Amino acid sequence: MRPAVEQARMADSHPDHVLVPTLGRPREDEALAYALETFPAADIVLLAVITPLDAPLSEGGILEREDRRAQTRASATDLLESVADAASDRVRIETAEGRPGTVVPQYAAEEGIDHVVMYGSRTGSTGFFRRFLGRDIAATVVDRTAQPVTVLD
């Protein structure tokens, strides 16, 4: 795993609080593992983002709100357990509902986050398909977040 994009605003190379958002997508475990390895002294927040029912990444109307929240939290717990056996005491799981491109920067600003690490896939698709599939989430987070953001490819 390597950082594909690292935001230029590198105010602190030793952050105390790192945010790793999870949307339930493949390879997000790499972002968590990277954050744990790269920032060994930092407290890590694994932010399980619950997309609204009308968002393109949503599970749709299949699950009720509380079921979706419980399922998202369970998925984040599974992700944590798959990566961070010894370091799990440095990671806490939080949940937030909303569009990831809005929720992640807002959470980072309000909760004193020093650095954001996330997985983002590069794709050749553009336009409607790119927006529909949510491929722009990492770019949106980078653009809207005041803190440094590392995007793993």
Protein backbone atom coordinates (compact mmCIF):
# COMPACT_ATOMS: atom_id res chain seq x y z
CA MET A 1 0.00 0.00 0.00
CA ARG A 2 1.29 3.40 -0.91
CA PRO A 3 -0.07 6.87 -0.71
CA ALA A 4 -1.33 7.88 -4.13
CA VAL A 5 -2.12 11.42 -3.13
CA GLU A 6 -0.87 13.24 -0.12
CA GLN A 7 -2.37 16.63 0.47
CA ALA A 8 0.25 19.35 0.39
CA ARG A 9 -0.80 20.95 3.68
CA MET A 10 1.47 18.92 5.97
CA ALA A 11 1.35 21.01 9.12
CA ASP A 12 2.29 18.21 11.53
CA SER A 13 4.22 15.07 10.59
CA HIS A 14 3.39 13.49 13.98
CA PRO A 15 -0.35 13.85 14.40
CA ASP A 16 -2.06 12.97 17.67
CA HIS A 17 -5.50 12.27 16.16
CA VAL A 18 -5.96 10.45 12.84
CA LEU A 19 -9.27 9.83 11.10
CA VAL A 20 -9.83 6.79 8.90
CA PRO A 21 -13.27 6.88 7.26
CA THR A 22 -14.90 3.63 6.23
CA LEU A 23 -17.75 3.33 3.76
CA GLY A 24 -17.82 -0.46 3.69
CA ARG A 25 -15.76 -0.61 0.50
CA PRO A 26 -13.04 -3.13 -0.38
CA ARG A 27 -9.44 -2.40 0.67
CA GLU A 28 -10.31 0.07 3.41
CA ASP A 29 -8.38 -2.21 5.75
CA GLU A 30 -5.26 -0.94 3.97
CA ALA A 31 -6.02 2.61 5.07
CA LEU A 32 -6.43 1.54 8.68
CA ALA A 33 -3.26 -0.57 8.60
CA TYR A 34 -1.35 2.33 7.01
CA ALA A 35 -2.57 4.78 9.67
CA LEU A 36 -1.61 2.42 12.49
CA GLU A 37 1.84 1.80 11.04
CA THR A 38 2.62 5.34 9.90
CA PHE A 39 1.35 7.10 13.02
CA PRO A 40 2.23 4.69 15.86
CA ALA A 41 1.63 7.24 18.63
CA ALA A 42 -1.66 8.62 17.31
CA ASP A 43 -5.15 7.87 18.50
CA ILE A 44 -7.21 6.70 15.54
CA VAL A 45 -10.89 7.23 14.87
CA LEU A 46 -12.43 4.72 12.49
CA LEU A 47 -15.40 6.70 11.22
CA ALA A 48 -18.13 4.44 9.85
CA VAL A 49 -20.09 6.63 7.44
CA ILE A 50 -23.73 5.75 6.93
CA THR A 51 -24.84 7.12 3.59
CA PRO A 52 -28.33 8.63 3.40
CA LEU A 53 -31.02 6.59 1.73
CA ASP A 54 -31.10 8.92 -1.26
CA ALA A 55 -27.32 8.88 -1.86
CA PRO A 56 -25.80 6.88 -4.74
CA LEU A 57 -23.77 4.70 -2.35
CA SER A 58 -26.74 3.93 -0.11
CA GLU A 59 -28.10 0.48 0.53
CA GLY A 60 -31.43 1.86 -0.59
CA GLY A 61 -34.65 1.36 1.27
CA ILE A 62 -33.83 -2.22 2.17
CA LEU A 63 -32.71 -1.59 5.73
CA GLU A 64 -34.31 0.61 8.32
CA ARG A 65 -32.22 3.41 9.82
CA GLU A 66 -31.26 1.66 13.08
CA ASP A 67 -30.52 -1.59 11.26
CA ARG A 68 -28.27 0.32 8.88
CA ARG A 69 -26.47 2.01 11.79
CA ALA A 70 -25.93 -1.34 13.55
CA GLN A 71 -24.77 -3.01 10.36
CA THR A 72 -22.34 -0.17 9.57
CA ARG A 73 -20.88 -0.26 13.08
CA ALA A 74 -20.53 -4.06 12.92
CA SER A 75 -18.74 -3.75 9.59
CA ALA A 76 -16.32 -1.21 11.10
CA THR A 77 -15.73 -3.51 14.07
CA ASP A 78 -14.95 -6.38 11.70
CA LEU A 79 -12.56 -4.14 9.79
CA LEU A 80 -10.79 -3.17 13.00
CA GLU A 81 -10.52 -6.78 14.15
CA SER A 82 -9.06 -7.84 10.80
CA VAL A 83 -6.24 -5.30 11.02
CA ALA A 84 -5.48 -4.15 14.52
CA ASP A 85 -5.19 -6.90 17.09
CA ALA A 86 -2.47 -5.35 19.24
CA ALA A 87 -3.24 -1.74 18.41
CA SER A 88 -7.00 -1.85 18.83
CA ASP A 89 -6.72 0.09 22.10
CA ARG A 90 -5.64 3.13 20.01
CA VAL A 91 -8.69 2.90 17.73
CA ARG A 92 -12.21 3.95 18.55
CA ILE A 93 -15.18 3.51 16.25
CA GLU A 94 -17.59 6.37 15.64
CA THR A 95 -20.53 6.55 13.27
CA ALA A 96 -21.84 9.48 11.28
CA GLU A 97 -24.66 9.74 8.78
CA GLY A 98 -24.44 11.77 5.61
CA ARG A 99 -22.63 12.07 2.33
CA PRO A 100 -18.97 11.07 2.86
CA GLY A 101 -17.62 14.14 1.04
CA THR A 102 -19.39 16.32 3.58
CA VAL A 103 -19.29 14.19 6.73
CA VAL A 104 -15.56 13.43 6.73
CA PRO A 105 -14.30 17.05 6.44
CA GLN A 106 -16.90 18.23 8.96
CA TYR A 107 -15.98 15.51 11.47
CA ALA A 108 -12.26 16.26 11.02
CA ALA A 109 -12.82 19.96 11.69
CA GLU A 110 -15.15 19.54 14.67
CA GLU A 111 -13.32 16.73 16.46
CA GLY A 112 -9.73 18.01 16.40
CA ILE A 113 -8.42 15.57 13.82
CA ASP A 114 -4.84 16.23 12.69
CA HIS A 115 -4.67 13.94 9.65
CA VAL A 116 -7.06 11.88 7.50
CA VAL A 117 -6.10 8.58 5.87
CA MET A 118 -8.46 6.90 3.42
CA TYR A 119 -8.58 4.45 0.56
CA GLY A 120 -9.55 5.83 -2.82
CA SER A 121 -9.52 4.04 -6.11
CA ARG A 122 -8.38 5.63 -9.31
CA THR A 123 -10.55 4.97 -12.28
CA GLY A 124 -10.64 5.92 -15.91
CA SER A 125 -14.36 6.53 -15.79
CA THR A 126 -15.66 10.07 -15.91
CA GLY A 127 -18.87 12.00 -15.71
CA PHE A 128 -22.06 10.28 -14.66
CA PHE A 129 -20.56 6.84 -13.94
CA ARG A 130 -17.79 8.28 -11.82
CA ARG A 131 -20.23 10.35 -9.75
CA PHE A 132 -22.74 7.49 -9.53
CA LEU A 133 -20.16 5.02 -8.29
CA GLY A 134 -18.75 7.51 -5.82
CA ARG A 135 -15.23 7.44 -7.21
CA ASP A 136 -14.83 11.16 -6.46
CA ILE A 137 -15.19 10.76 -2.69
CA ALA A 138 -11.45 10.86 -1.97
CA ALA A 139 -10.94 13.91 -4.18
CA THR A 140 -13.90 15.64 -2.54
CA VAL A 141 -12.51 14.92 0.93
CA VAL A 142 -9.09 16.25 -0.07
CA ASP A 143 -10.64 19.41 -1.52
CA ARG A 144 -12.89 20.09 1.49
CA THR A 145 -10.61 19.12 4.38
CA ALA A 146 -8.29 21.64 6.00
CA GLN A 147 -6.17 18.89 7.56
CA PRO A 148 -3.64 16.83 5.58
CA VAL A 149 -5.24 13.87 3.76
CA THR A 150 -3.43 10.75 2.60
CA VAL A 151 -5.28 8.77 -0.06
CA LEU A 152 -4.10 5.21 -0.65
CA ASP A 153 -4.49 3.76 -4.10
